[in-house]
Amino acid sequence: MRWRLVDRILDHREWLYLAALKYGTLEEYRLLERWGEPARVPPLLILESAFQAARWLVEASGDFGLTFLQTEVSGFKAGQGLAPAEGIIWLVKVASQQDDSIGFVAFPRLLTPALGPLEAHDDLMREYLDPPGKPDSAGALGGDCLRFSGDLVPLAGREDADSQRALWRELNRPLAGAQSPDGPWGERP
């Protein structure tokens, strides 16, 4: 069984933010189906996907020499989880950074038949990534958001860094319908 807590990196800027896509997959949603409950990805795995998105942001920003270990969390509301083939996009934004610690704020957006990954990504970026005329959205928040922080620690071993780089290249490829072949999303026309 291979669990992917982040299925695709949609967009990122070093030490600023990362948008990650997570879909409910067969391996995960079967966890609850066994006990007679509706088949859904458990809420704690969805929470872990936000932490993993933050880890990818730290690792890619630090040239795969650092990683992130979560220590505190606030604002998590356990929902019902994701049904098979449902998805969520996390926009994880750096809220604070010190020498050996970092804080994040994460904004979720559930995908619907009317709101696919490209539209949900654009919606999140407009709403939460420093909208024009508004103060920094990480500091003046309301609504659904998750705050968490943790430690910056060295990524152990050269082999670890190389395998993370390879997985990063796989996760960071463009989705069908993306506007630019130059990067995961590129500039919008």
C-alpha atoms as a PDB file:
ATOM      1  CA  MET A   1       0.000   0.000   0.000  1.00  0.00           C
ATOM      2  CA  ARG A   2       1.392   3.395  -0.984  1.00  0.00           C
ATOM      3  CA  TRP A   3      -0.100   6.425   0.711  1.00  0.00           C
ATOM      4  CA  ARG A   4       0.378   9.736  -0.985  1.00  0.00           C
ATOM      5  CA  LEU A   5      -0.600  12.497   1.342  1.00  0.00           C
ATOM      6  CA  VAL A   6       0.197  15.035  -1.378  1.00  0.00           C
ATOM      7  CA  ASP A   7      -0.748  13.958  -4.886  1.00  0.00           C
ATOM      8  CA  ARG A   8       0.427  17.029  -6.778  1.00  0.00           C
ATOM      9  CA  ILE A   9       2.215  20.314  -6.138  1.00  0.00           C
ATOM     10  CA  LEU A  10       0.205  22.958  -7.968  1.00  0.00           C
ATOM     11  CA  ASP A  11       2.183  26.101  -7.263  1.00  0.00           C
ATOM     12  CA  HIS A  12       4.912  27.313  -4.938  1.00  0.00           C
ATOM     13  CA  ARG A  13       7.216  30.210  -4.165  1.00  0.00           C
ATOM     14  CA  GLU A  14      10.289  29.599  -2.024  1.00  0.00           C
ATOM     15  CA  TRP A  15       9.706  30.348   1.659  1.00  0.00           C
ATOM     16  CA  LEU A  16       6.334  31.977   0.867  1.00  0.00           C
ATOM     17  CA  TYR A  17       3.625  29.442  -0.042  1.00  0.00           C
ATOM     18  CA  LEU A  18       2.781  26.108  -1.622  1.00  0.00           C
ATOM     19  CA  ALA A  19      -0.506  24.848  -3.083  1.00  0.00           C
ATOM     20  CA  ALA A  20      -0.940  21.071  -2.919  1.00  0.00           C
ATOM     21  CA  LEU A  21      -3.624  18.735  -4.222  1.00  0.00           C
ATOM     22  CA  LYS A  22      -4.853  15.681  -2.274  1.00  0.00           C
ATOM     23  CA  TYR A  23      -7.372  13.176  -3.651  1.00  0.00           C
ATOM     24  CA  GLY A  24      -9.157  10.408  -1.792  1.00  0.00           C
ATOM     25  CA  THR A  25      -7.647   7.148  -3.043  1.00  0.00           C
ATOM     26  CA  LEU A  26      -8.549   3.492  -2.742  1.00  0.00           C
ATOM     27  CA  GLU A  27      -5.895   2.705  -0.128  1.00  0.00           C
ATOM     28  CA  GLU A  28      -6.995   5.496   2.203  1.00  0.00           C
ATOM     29  CA  TYR A  29     -10.756   5.413   2.014  1.00  0.00           C
ATOM     30  CA  ARG A  30     -10.845   1.660   2.654  1.00  0.00           C
ATOM     31  CA  LEU A  31      -9.542   2.382   6.147  1.00  0.00           C
ATOM     32  CA  LEU A  32     -13.012   3.399   7.321  1.00  0.00           C
ATOM     33  CA  GLU A  33     -15.023   1.110   5.069  1.00  0.00           C
ATOM     34  CA  ARG A  34     -13.791  -1.931   7.012  1.00  0.00           C
ATOM     35  CA  TRP A  35     -15.580  -0.854  10.177  1.00  0.00           C
ATOM     36  CA  GLY A  36     -18.961  -0.409   8.532  1.00  0.00           C
ATOM     37  CA  GLU A  37     -18.725   3.347   8.095  1.00  0.00           C
ATOM     38  CA  PRO A  38     -19.029   5.135   4.741  1.00  0.00           C
ATOM     39  CA  ALA A  39     -15.829   4.926   2.694  1.00  0.00           C
ATOM     40  CA  ARG A  40     -13.917   8.134   3.368  1.00  0.00           C
ATOM     41  CA  VAL A  41     -10.344   9.292   3.867  1.00  0.00           C
ATOM     42  CA  PRO A  42     -10.068   9.869   7.641  1.00  0.00           C
ATOM     43  CA  PRO A  43      -9.876  13.533   8.713  1.00  0.00           C
ATOM     44  CA  LEU A  44      -6.490  13.045  10.392  1.00  0.00           C
ATOM     45  CA  LEU A  45      -4.952  11.917   7.102  1.00  0.00           C
ATOM     46  CA  ILE A  46      -6.318  15.092   5.530  1.00  0.00           C
ATOM     47  CA  LEU A  47      -4.698  17.088   8.341  1.00  0.00           C
ATOM     48  CA  GLU A  48      -1.445  15.222   7.730  1.00  0.00           C
ATOM     49  CA  SER A  49      -1.633  16.218   4.048  1.00  0.00           C
ATOM     50  CA  ALA A  50      -1.416  19.892   5.137  1.00  0.00           C
ATOM     51  CA  PHE A  51       1.672  19.080   7.223  1.00  0.00           C
ATOM     52  CA  GLN A  52       3.198  17.237   4.268  1.00  0.00           C
ATOM     53  CA  ALA A  53       2.554  20.233   1.999  1.00  0.00           C
ATOM     54  CA  ALA A  54       4.444  22.398   4.503  1.00  0.00           C
ATOM     55  CA  ARG A  55       7.253  19.838   4.579  1.00  0.00           C
ATOM     56  CA  TRP A  56       7.517  20.000   0.774  1.00  0.00           C
ATOM     57  CA  LEU A  57       7.662  23.800   0.914  1.00  0.00           C
ATOM     58  CA  VAL A  58      10.524  23.701   3.439  1.00  0.00           C
ATOM     59  CA  GLU A  59      12.441  20.964   1.646  1.00  0.00           C
ATOM     60  CA  ALA A  60      12.199  22.571  -1.804  1.00  0.00           C
ATOM     61  CA  SER A  61      12.980  26.040  -0.421  1.00  0.00           C
ATOM     62  CA  GLY A  62      16.005  24.733   1.481  1.00  0.00           C
ATOM     63  CA  ASP A  63      17.396  22.800  -1.529  1.00  0.00           C
ATOM     64  CA  PHE A  64      16.469  19.526   0.206  1.00  0.00           C
ATOM     65  CA  GLY A  65      18.858  20.161   3.081  1.00  0.00           C
ATOM     66  CA  LEU A  66      16.095  20.921   5.627  1.00  0.00           C
ATOM     67  CA  THR A  67      12.794  19.366   6.555  1.00  0.00           C
ATOM     68  CA  PHE A  68       9.867  20.324   8.785  1.00  0.00           C
ATOM     69  CA  LEU A  69       8.639  18.530  11.909  1.00  0.00           C
ATOM     70  CA  GLN A  70       5.248  19.738  13.142  1.00  0.00           C
ATOM     71  CA  THR A  71       4.973  20.472  16.896  1.00  0.00           C
ATOM     72  CA  GLU A  72       1.787  22.552  17.384  1.00  0.00           C
ATOM     73  CA  VAL A  73      -1.561  22.858  15.635  1.00  0.00           C
ATOM     74  CA  SER A  74      -4.671  24.996  16.119  1.00  0.00           C
ATOM     75  CA  GLY A  75      -7.867  25.584  14.224  1.00  0.00           C
ATOM     76  CA  PHE A  76      -8.351  22.020  12.989  1.00  0.00           C
ATOM     77  CA  LYS A  77     -11.990  21.028  12.583  1.00  0.00           C
ATOM     78  CA  ALA A  78     -12.500  17.326  11.938  1.00  0.00           C
ATOM     79  CA  GLY A  79     -14.988  16.949   9.147  1.00  0.00           C
ATOM     80  CA  GLN A  80     -16.293  13.832   7.495  1.00  0.00           C
ATOM     81  CA  GLY A  81     -13.196  13.195   5.442  1.00  0.00           C
ATOM     82  CA  LEU A  82     -12.947  12.773   1.687  1.00  0.00           C
ATOM     83  CA  ALA A  83     -15.088  10.337  -0.255  1.00  0.00           C
ATOM     84  CA  PRO A  84     -13.468   8.322  -3.049  1.00  0.00           C
ATOM     85  CA  ALA A  85     -12.244  10.593  -5.861  1.00  0.00           C
ATOM     86  CA  GLU A  86     -13.044  13.782  -3.897  1.00  0.00           C
ATOM     87  CA  GLY A  87     -10.182  16.192  -3.550  1.00  0.00           C
ATOM     88  CA  ILE A  88      -8.874  19.047  -1.472  1.00  0.00           C
ATOM     89  CA  ILE A  89      -6.342  21.752  -2.206  1.00  0.00           C
ATOM     90  CA  TRP A  90      -4.259  23.134   0.632  1.00  0.00           C
ATOM     91  CA  LEU A  91      -2.719  26.584   0.265  1.00  0.00           C
ATOM     92  CA  VAL A  92       0.024  26.523   2.898  1.00  0.00           C
ATOM     93  CA  LYS A  93       1.565  29.908   3.609  1.00  0.00           C
ATOM     94  CA  VAL A  94       4.552  30.789   5.793  1.00  0.00           C
ATOM     95  CA  ALA A  95       3.266  32.974   8.637  1.00  0.00           C
ATOM     96  CA  SER A  96       6.474  33.309  10.668  1.00  0.00           C
ATOM     97  CA  GLN A  97      10.030  32.066  10.531  1.00  0.00           C
ATOM     98  CA  GLN A  98      12.897  32.045  13.009  1.00  0.00           C
ATOM     99  CA  ASP A  99      16.313  30.368  12.899  1.00  0.00           C
ATOM    100  CA  ASP A 100      15.125  26.867  13.740  1.00  0.00           C
ATOM    101  CA  SER A 101      11.326  27.138  13.730  1.00  0.00           C
ATOM    102  CA  ILE A 102       8.588  28.063  11.304  1.00  0.00           C
ATOM    103  CA  GLY A 103       4.857  28.765  11.492  1.00  0.00           C
ATOM    104  CA  PHE A 104       2.256  28.187   8.793  1.00  0.00           C
ATOM    105  CA  VAL A 105      -1.325  29.033   8.043  1.00  0.00           C
ATOM    106  CA  ALA A 106      -3.168  26.653   5.710  1.00  0.00           C
ATOM    107  CA  PHE A 107      -6.376  27.256   3.790  1.00  0.00           C
ATOM    108  CA  PRO A 108      -8.383  24.293   2.443  1.00  0.00           C
ATOM    109  CA  ARG A 109     -10.612  24.208  -0.625  1.00  0.00           C
ATOM    110  CA  LEU A 110     -12.709  21.114  -1.370  1.00  0.00           C
ATOM    111  CA  LEU A 111     -13.013  20.216  -5.014  1.00  0.00           C
ATOM    112  CA  THR A 112     -16.513  19.814  -6.431  1.00  0.00           C
ATOM    113  CA  PRO A 113     -17.817  18.887  -9.885  1.00  0.00           C
ATOM    114  CA  ALA A 114     -18.145  22.628 -10.575  1.00  0.00           C
ATOM    115  CA  LEU A 115     -14.793  23.537  -8.992  1.00  0.00           C
ATOM    116  CA  GLY A 116     -11.891  21.547 -10.433  1.00  0.00           C
ATOM    117  CA  PRO A 117      -8.234  21.812  -9.382  1.00  0.00           C
ATOM    118  CA  LEU A 118      -7.347  24.737 -11.653  1.00  0.00           C
ATOM    119  CA  GLU A 119     -10.385  26.772 -10.593  1.00  0.00           C
ATOM    120  CA  ALA A 120      -9.952  25.921  -6.897  1.00  0.00           C
ATOM    121  CA  HIS A 121      -6.283  26.907  -7.050  1.00  0.00           C
ATOM    122  CA  ASP A 122      -7.093  30.250  -8.658  1.00  0.00           C
ATOM    123  CA  ASP A 123      -9.893  30.818  -6.139  1.00  0.00           C
ATOM    124  CA  LEU A 124      -7.563  30.182  -3.182  1.00  0.00           C
ATOM    125  CA  MET A 125      -4.842  32.402  -4.601  1.00  0.00           C
ATOM    126  CA  ARG A 126      -7.258  35.312  -5.103  1.00  0.00           C
ATOM    127  CA  GLU A 127      -8.846  34.904  -1.697  1.00  0.00           C
ATOM    128  CA  TYR A 128      -5.893  34.223   0.594  1.00  0.00           C
ATOM    129  CA  LEU A 129      -2.603  35.184  -0.997  1.00  0.00           C
ATOM    130  CA  ASP A 130      -2.367  38.848  -0.030  1.00  0.00           C
ATOM    131  CA  PRO A 131      -5.332  40.176  -1.983  1.00  0.00           C
ATOM    132  CA  PRO A 132      -4.874  43.733  -3.301  1.00  0.00           C
ATOM    133  CA  GLY A 133      -6.047  46.369  -0.855  1.00  0.00           C
ATOM    134  CA  LYS A 134      -6.180  43.989   2.101  1.00  0.00           C
ATOM    135  CA  PRO A 135      -3.665  43.428   4.894  1.00  0.00           C
ATOM    136  CA  ASP A 136      -1.639  40.228   4.938  1.00  0.00           C
ATOM    137  CA  SER A 137      -4.264  37.495   5.048  1.00  0.00           C
ATOM    138  CA  ALA A 138      -2.152  35.281   7.317  1.00  0.00           C
ATOM    139  CA  GLY A 139      -2.436  37.866  10.075  1.00  0.00           C
ATOM    140  CA  ALA A 140      -6.059  38.988   9.646  1.00  0.00           C
ATOM    141  CA  LEU A 141      -7.981  35.786   9.187  1.00  0.00           C
ATOM    142  CA  GLY A 142     -11.454  34.577   9.674  1.00  0.00           C
ATOM    143  CA  GLY A 143     -13.177  31.498   8.358  1.00  0.00           C
ATOM    144  CA  ASP A 144     -11.632  28.132   7.715  1.00  0.00           C
ATOM    145  CA  CYS A 145      -7.915  28.020   8.281  1.00  0.00           C
ATOM    146  CA  LEU A 146      -5.449  25.875  10.085  1.00  0.00           C
ATOM    147  CA  ARG A 147      -2.433  27.187  11.951  1.00  0.00           C
ATOM    148  CA  PHE A 148       0.538  25.025  12.813  1.00  0.00           C
ATOM    149  CA  SER A 149       4.203  25.385  13.585  1.00  0.00           C
ATOM    150  CA  GLY A 150       7.231  23.234  14.008  1.00  0.00           C
ATOM    151  CA  ASP A 151      10.962  22.858  13.877  1.00  0.00           C
ATOM    152  CA  LEU A 152      13.331  23.138  10.932  1.00  0.00           C
ATOM    153  CA  VAL A 153      15.716  20.188  11.049  1.00  0.00           C
ATOM    154  CA  PRO A 154      18.421  18.916   8.681  1.00  0.00           C
ATOM    155  CA  LEU A 155      17.341  16.293   6.166  1.00  0.00           C
ATOM    156  CA  ALA A 156      19.579  13.360   7.057  1.00  0.00           C
ATOM    157  CA  GLY A 157      21.863  11.877   4.427  1.00  0.00           C
ATOM    158  CA  ARG A 158      22.620  12.529   0.772  1.00  0.00           C
ATOM    159  CA  GLU A 159      20.416   9.606  -0.353  1.00  0.00           C
ATOM    160  CA  ASP A 160      17.421  11.165   1.425  1.00  0.00           C
ATOM    161  CA  ALA A 161      17.922  14.466  -0.402  1.00  0.00           C
ATOM    162  CA  ASP A 162      18.287  12.735  -3.782  1.00  0.00           C
ATOM    163  CA  SER A 163      15.158  10.626  -3.323  1.00  0.00           C
ATOM    164  CA  GLN A 164      13.194  13.696  -2.184  1.00  0.00           C
ATOM    165  CA  ARG A 165      14.370  15.629  -5.264  1.00  0.00           C
ATOM    166  CA  ALA A 166      13.166  12.792  -7.517  1.00  0.00           C
ATOM    167  CA  LEU A 167       9.767  12.652  -5.816  1.00  0.00           C
ATOM    168  CA  TRP A 168       9.518  16.461  -5.961  1.00  0.00           C
ATOM    169  CA  ARG A 169      10.006  16.339  -9.748  1.00  0.00           C
ATOM    170  CA  GLU A 170       7.209  13.763  -9.993  1.00  0.00           C
ATOM    171  CA  LEU A 171       4.794  15.762  -7.799  1.00  0.00           C
ATOM    172  CA  ASN A 172       5.632  19.118  -9.363  1.00  0.00           C
ATOM    173  CA  ARG A 173       4.721  18.299 -12.977  1.00  0.00           C
ATOM    174  CA  PRO A 174       1.924  20.293 -14.641  1.00  0.00           C
ATOM    175  CA  LEU A 175      -1.698  19.211 -14.545  1.00  0.00           C
ATOM    176  CA  ALA A 176      -3.572  18.847 -17.800  1.00  0.00           C
ATOM    177  CA  GLY A 177      -4.980  22.270 -18.634  1.00  0.00           C
ATOM    178  CA  ALA A 178      -2.172  24.247 -16.999  1.00  0.00           C
ATOM    179  CA  GLN A 179      -1.273  27.344 -18.992  1.00  0.00           C
ATOM    180  CA  SER A 180       2.517  27.117 -19.202  1.00  0.00           C
ATOM    181  CA  PRO A 181       4.940  24.285 -19.983  1.00  0.00           C
ATOM    182  CA  ASP A 182       7.686  26.195 -18.116  1.00  0.00           C
ATOM    183  CA  GLY A 183       6.553  25.275 -14.608  1.00  0.00           C
ATOM    184  CA  PRO A 184       3.711  23.792 -12.675  1.00  0.00           C
ATOM    185  CA  TRP A 185       1.438  26.734 -13.510  1.00  0.00           C
ATOM    186  CA  GLY A 186       3.485  29.570 -14.956  1.00  0.00           C
ATOM    187  CA  GLU A 187       2.066  32.962 -15.743  1.00  0.00           C
ATOM    188  CA  ARG A 188      -1.574  33.287 -16.663  1.00  0.00           C
ATOM    189  CA  PRO A 189      -2.221  34.974 -20.027  1.00  0.00           C
END
